[in-house]
């Protein structure tokens, strides 16, 4: 399944320690045109022939394919021309809801200060004292503090969510609570995805 025009994608470049955010501008029979990465230090530094791994989310699932740059095009924005893969070269990695990474990030939820156990583009898991009242199906609102992988500045991402699961732990006074994001700004969701990519790479 190909990405859609104007969809955010992520570029992994061989020998690079991080991913770069881009966008799909055009798709034709043989090529996909993608925007230059928004990170200024990479603009203009990918020569023809550079191999790329492109990752994106479509219909709630994560997809990935390998390609290479075959040229450039100057349009309203500067574009890379990359080879369009055949359908059988596009790999479905895993469902977005299961694409989660273990990480301890600050989470403010219903005026409580908490710490995540893991996060994904679709939600988060955190631990809470049993004297804090949450119920399954409850609507919540909060802020997740996510490090920006480029600027290293922590960004506050506001969201609305729903409690999906409450699990006991081996500690009598601690429970694990899973929430699903029901509303997150699309740009902010892309920041979470990019952080997850980087965190997963670091853990390999």
Protein backbone atom coordinates (compact mmCIF):
# COMPACT_ATOMS: atom_id res chain seq x y z
CA UNK A 1 0.00 0.00 0.00
CA UNK A 2 1.59 3.23 -1.15
CA UNK A 3 1.68 6.41 0.95
CA UNK A 4 -0.73 9.16 0.01
CA UNK A 5 0.10 12.55 -1.45
CA UNK A 6 0.79 15.13 1.29
CA UNK A 7 1.35 12.34 3.80
CA UNK A 8 4.19 12.58 6.31
CA UNK A 9 6.89 9.95 5.88
CA UNK A 10 10.18 9.21 7.61
CA UNK A 11 13.51 8.69 5.86
CA UNK A 12 16.23 6.50 7.26
CA UNK A 13 19.59 7.13 5.62
CA UNK A 14 22.38 4.51 5.82
CA UNK A 15 25.02 5.39 8.42
CA UNK A 16 22.79 8.07 9.95
CA UNK A 17 21.85 7.86 13.62
CA UNK A 18 18.37 9.28 13.21
CA UNK A 19 15.37 9.49 10.94
CA UNK A 20 14.22 12.56 9.02
CA UNK A 21 10.69 13.78 8.44
CA UNK A 22 9.54 14.44 4.87
CA UNK A 23 6.33 14.55 2.83
CA UNK A 24 5.02 12.88 -0.33
CA UNK A 25 4.50 15.48 -3.08
CA UNK A 26 3.73 13.39 -6.18
CA UNK A 27 3.38 9.76 -7.22
CA UNK A 28 3.59 8.66 -10.84
CA UNK A 29 4.07 5.35 -12.62
CA UNK A 30 7.78 4.97 -11.90
CA UNK A 31 8.75 7.54 -9.29
CA UNK A 32 7.71 9.11 -6.00
CA UNK A 33 8.60 12.74 -5.39
CA UNK A 34 9.31 13.59 -1.77
CA UNK A 35 10.14 16.88 -0.10
CA UNK A 36 13.61 17.65 1.13
CA UNK A 37 13.80 16.73 4.83
CA UNK A 38 12.85 19.61 7.08
CA UNK A 39 16.10 19.30 9.02
CA UNK A 40 18.30 22.10 7.66
CA UNK A 41 21.56 20.23 8.15
CA UNK A 42 20.48 17.57 5.64
CA UNK A 43 19.13 19.80 2.86
CA UNK A 44 21.18 19.37 -0.30
CA UNK A 45 23.42 16.65 1.12
CA UNK A 46 21.83 13.54 -0.38
CA UNK A 47 23.36 12.83 -3.79
CA UNK A 48 21.79 10.78 -6.56
CA UNK A 49 22.14 7.09 -5.82
CA UNK A 50 21.66 7.47 -2.06
CA UNK A 51 19.70 4.54 -0.70
CA UNK A 52 16.77 5.30 1.60
CA UNK A 53 14.44 3.36 3.85
CA UNK A 54 11.03 5.04 3.85
CA UNK A 55 8.56 4.38 6.67
CA UNK A 56 4.98 5.62 7.02
CA UNK A 57 1.60 4.86 8.56
CA UNK A 58 -1.45 4.10 6.43
CA UNK A 59 -4.83 2.80 7.63
CA UNK A 60 -3.47 2.28 11.13
CA UNK A 61 -0.53 0.10 10.04
CA UNK A 62 3.17 0.75 9.66
CA UNK A 63 4.75 0.19 6.21
CA UNK A 64 8.34 0.32 5.00
CA UNK A 65 10.20 0.04 1.71
CA UNK A 66 13.71 0.58 0.37
CA UNK A 67 14.44 2.86 -2.55
CA UNK A 68 17.09 5.27 -3.83
CA UNK A 69 17.34 8.84 -5.05
CA UNK A 70 17.49 9.18 -8.84
CA UNK A 71 17.33 12.96 -9.17
CA UNK A 72 15.80 16.21 -7.99
CA UNK A 73 13.03 18.54 -9.03
CA UNK A 74 12.51 22.20 -8.21
CA UNK A 75 8.85 22.90 -7.59
CA UNK A 76 7.08 25.02 -4.99
CA UNK A 77 9.33 23.07 -2.64
CA UNK A 78 12.54 21.25 -3.53
CA UNK A 79 11.95 17.57 -4.17
CA UNK A 80 13.89 14.33 -4.38
CA UNK A 81 12.88 11.84 -7.06
CA UNK A 82 13.00 8.28 -5.73
CA UNK A 83 12.22 4.96 -7.39
CA UNK A 84 8.66 3.79 -6.85
CA UNK A 85 8.79 0.20 -5.52
CA UNK A 86 6.63 -2.63 -6.73
CA UNK A 87 3.80 -3.64 -4.41
CA UNK A 88 5.63 -6.74 -3.23
CA UNK A 89 8.57 -4.60 -2.05
CA UNK A 90 6.41 -2.73 0.45
CA UNK A 91 6.45 -4.49 3.80
CA UNK A 92 3.82 -4.18 6.49
CA UNK A 93 5.82 -3.97 9.68
CA UNK A 94 3.20 -4.13 12.40
CA UNK A 95 -0.01 -2.53 13.54
CA UNK A 96 0.42 1.03 14.72
CA UNK A 97 -1.14 0.23 18.07
CA UNK A 98 1.53 -2.44 18.65
CA UNK A 99 4.41 -0.29 17.44
CA UNK A 100 5.37 0.78 20.93
CA UNK A 101 8.67 1.44 22.63
CA UNK A 102 9.66 1.27 26.27
CA UNK A 103 10.51 4.73 27.51
CA UNK A 104 10.05 6.79 30.66
CA UNK A 105 8.55 10.12 29.64
CA UNK A 106 6.81 12.69 31.78
CA UNK A 107 3.03 12.48 31.49
CA UNK A 108 0.54 14.88 33.00
CA UNK A 109 -2.91 13.32 33.15
CA UNK A 110 -5.98 14.82 34.81
CA UNK A 111 -3.65 17.10 36.83
CA UNK A 112 -1.49 14.15 37.97
CA UNK A 113 2.24 13.93 37.27
CA UNK A 114 3.07 10.43 36.00
CA UNK A 115 5.78 8.58 34.06
CA UNK A 116 5.21 6.35 31.04
CA UNK A 117 6.30 2.72 30.81
CA UNK A 118 5.87 2.62 27.04
CA UNK A 119 4.31 4.73 24.31
CA UNK A 120 3.17 4.43 20.72
CA UNK A 121 1.48 6.69 18.20
CA UNK A 122 -1.79 5.24 19.49
CA UNK A 123 -1.42 5.48 23.25
CA UNK A 124 0.64 5.02 26.39
CA UNK A 125 1.09 2.73 29.39
CA UNK A 126 1.93 4.11 32.82
CA UNK A 127 2.04 3.02 36.45
CA UNK A 128 -0.14 4.59 39.13
CA UNK A 129 -0.79 4.20 42.84
CA UNK A 130 -3.94 2.27 43.58
CA UNK A 131 -5.31 5.20 45.55
CA UNK A 132 -5.53 7.19 42.29
CA UNK A 133 -8.96 6.58 40.79
CA UNK A 134 -9.21 5.55 37.12
CA UNK A 135 -11.95 3.43 35.56
CA UNK A 136 -11.97 1.48 32.31
CA UNK A 137 -13.60 3.50 29.53
CA UNK A 138 -13.05 6.79 31.32
CA UNK A 139 -12.21 9.80 29.16
CA UNK A 140 -9.01 11.62 30.09
CA UNK A 141 -7.00 14.59 28.88
CA UNK A 142 -3.34 15.31 29.37
CA UNK A 143 0.07 16.29 28.09
CA UNK A 144 2.90 14.00 27.00
CA UNK A 145 6.41 15.46 27.06
CA UNK A 146 8.36 14.10 24.08
CA UNK A 147 12.00 14.91 23.26
CA UNK A 148 12.43 16.33 19.75
CA UNK A 149 15.00 14.06 18.09
CA UNK A 150 16.45 16.92 16.06
CA UNK A 151 16.54 19.92 18.39
CA UNK A 152 16.75 17.84 21.61
CA UNK A 153 14.13 20.17 23.07
CA UNK A 154 11.28 18.48 24.94
CA UNK A 155 7.90 19.28 23.39
CA UNK A 156 4.58 19.27 25.22
CA UNK A 157 1.97 17.31 23.25
CA UNK A 158 -1.63 17.75 24.34
CA UNK A 159 -4.08 14.89 23.82
CA UNK A 160 -7.45 13.47 24.74
CA UNK A 161 -7.73 9.78 25.46
CA UNK A 162 -9.61 6.88 27.00
CA UNK A 163 -8.61 4.35 29.64
CA UNK A 164 -8.48 0.98 27.85
CA UNK A 165 -7.03 -1.36 30.48
CA UNK A 166 -6.16 -1.44 34.18
CA UNK A 167 -3.85 -4.26 35.30
CA UNK A 168 -2.60 -5.20 38.77
CA UNK A 169 1.14 -5.60 39.33
CA UNK A 170 3.27 -7.62 41.71
CA UNK A 171 3.22 -4.58 43.98
CA UNK A 172 -0.05 -4.33 45.89
CA UNK A 173 -0.17 -0.55 45.76
CA UNK A 174 0.72 -0.14 42.06
CA UNK A 175 -1.38 -0.73 38.94
CA UNK A 176 -0.55 -0.36 35.25
CA UNK A 177 -2.96 1.70 33.19
CA UNK A 178 -3.16 1.75 29.38
CA UNK A 179 -4.72 4.72 27.61
CA UNK A 180 -5.60 5.14 23.96
CA UNK A 181 -5.19 8.54 22.31
CA UNK A 182 -8.56 9.54 20.88
CA UNK A 183 -7.46 12.97 19.68
CA UNK A 184 -3.94 14.18 18.92
CA UNK A 185 -2.95 16.91 16.50
CA UNK A 186 -1.59 15.25 13.32
CA UNK A 187 1.69 17.15 13.50
CA UNK A 188 2.12 16.15 17.15
CA UNK A 189 1.36 12.52 16.31
CA UNK A 190 4.16 12.63 13.74
CA UNK A 191 6.51 13.81 16.49
CA UNK A 192 5.54 10.80 18.60
CA UNK A 193 6.10 8.44 15.66
CA UNK A 194 9.51 9.94 14.93
CA UNK A 195 10.51 9.61 18.57
CA UNK A 196 9.39 5.96 18.55
CA UNK A 197 11.51 5.28 15.45
CA UNK A 198 14.56 6.78 17.10
CA UNK A 199 13.98 5.03 20.39
CA UNK A 200 13.55 1.69 18.64
CA UNK A 201 16.80 2.23 16.73
CA UNK A 202 18.66 3.03 19.96
CA UNK A 203 17.36 -0.16 21.57
CA UNK A 204 18.43 -2.49 18.77
